[in-house]
Structures are given as C-alpha cells and as structure tokens.
Amino acid sequence: MLLSLTCGTWGKRLRYLMQRDGAVLNMVLRISLRVIAKSLRSSSPGAEQLDKADMV
C-alpha cells in the first residue's frame, strides 16, 4: 500500500502527524496522487488526449 503508516518510507514525524491529523493525511495523499499521475502521464504520451470519464 502506498500510504501505509507502518512503512519505513515516511519519516517518523510525518507518520505521527498523518496518524493524528486528517488534514495532513489528505495533503500527503493529494501530493502522492499528483506525483503518480505526473509519472503516468510522462510514461504514457498519448494518455493526455483521453477524456477522464473514459478512464473509469
């Protein structure tokens, strides 16, 4: 799981804040999803022309 709170990827302070503050967790989730989407767009050049509704 990408945002596993037990994963060693996240620092102790960030894990602590994500466990106790929903706003921080949402912020980290949005940033992570933005990075993933950017990576997918760069590795799939023709995907930007697709309508987002077609992806569901």
Protein backbone atom coordinates (compact mmCIF):
# COMPACT_ATOMS: atom_id res chain seq x y z
CA MET A 1 0.00 0.00 0.00
CA LEU A 2 1.36 3.40 -0.99
CA LEU A 3 0.47 5.28 2.17
CA SER A 4 0.98 2.53 4.70
CA LEU A 5 1.57 4.18 8.05
CA THR A 6 3.86 1.36 9.14
CA CYS A 7 6.04 1.66 6.03
CA GLY A 8 9.57 2.93 6.53
CA THR A 9 9.19 5.28 3.53
CA TRP A 10 7.63 8.06 5.58
CA GLY A 11 9.62 9.78 8.31
CA LYS A 12 8.63 9.34 11.95
CA ARG A 13 7.36 12.89 12.29
CA LEU A 14 5.24 12.68 9.15
CA ARG A 15 3.81 9.29 10.16
CA TYR A 16 2.96 10.73 13.58
CA LEU A 17 1.17 13.70 12.03
CA MET A 18 -0.65 11.56 9.44
CA GLN A 19 -1.98 9.28 12.19
CA ARG A 20 -3.30 12.15 14.28
CA ASP A 21 -4.31 14.84 11.77
CA GLY A 22 -6.68 14.04 8.93
CA ALA A 23 -5.79 17.25 7.09
CA VAL A 24 -2.12 16.25 6.96
CA LEU A 25 -3.06 12.77 5.76
CA ASN A 26 -5.23 14.27 2.99
CA MET A 27 -2.43 16.65 1.98
CA VAL A 28 0.10 13.80 1.74
CA LEU A 29 -2.41 11.71 -0.22
CA ARG A 30 -3.08 14.54 -2.72
CA ILE A 31 0.64 15.16 -3.23
CA SER A 32 1.31 11.44 -3.68
CA LEU A 33 -1.50 11.05 -6.20
CA ARG A 34 -0.31 14.15 -8.09
CA VAL A 35 3.20 12.67 -8.36
CA ILE A 36 1.81 9.32 -9.51
CA ALA A 37 -0.41 10.99 -12.12
CA LYS A 38 2.51 13.07 -13.41
CA SER A 39 4.66 9.96 -13.68
CA LEU A 40 1.93 8.08 -15.54
CA ARG A 41 1.41 10.99 -17.94
CA SER A 42 5.11 11.18 -18.73
CA SER A 43 5.35 7.44 -19.36
CA SER A 44 2.14 7.33 -21.45
CA PRO A 45 2.43 10.16 -24.01
CA GLY A 46 -0.95 9.56 -25.73
CA ALA A 47 -2.92 9.32 -22.49
CA GLU A 48 -3.45 13.07 -22.09
CA GLN A 49 -5.85 13.19 -25.02
CA LEU A 50 -8.19 10.69 -23.35
CA ASP A 51 -11.20 12.02 -21.53
CA LYS A 52 -11.04 11.38 -17.79
CA ALA A 53 -14.51 9.79 -17.92
CA ASP A 54 -13.13 7.14 -20.29
CA MET A 55 -10.62 6.07 -17.64
CA VAL A 56 -13.27 4.98 -15.13
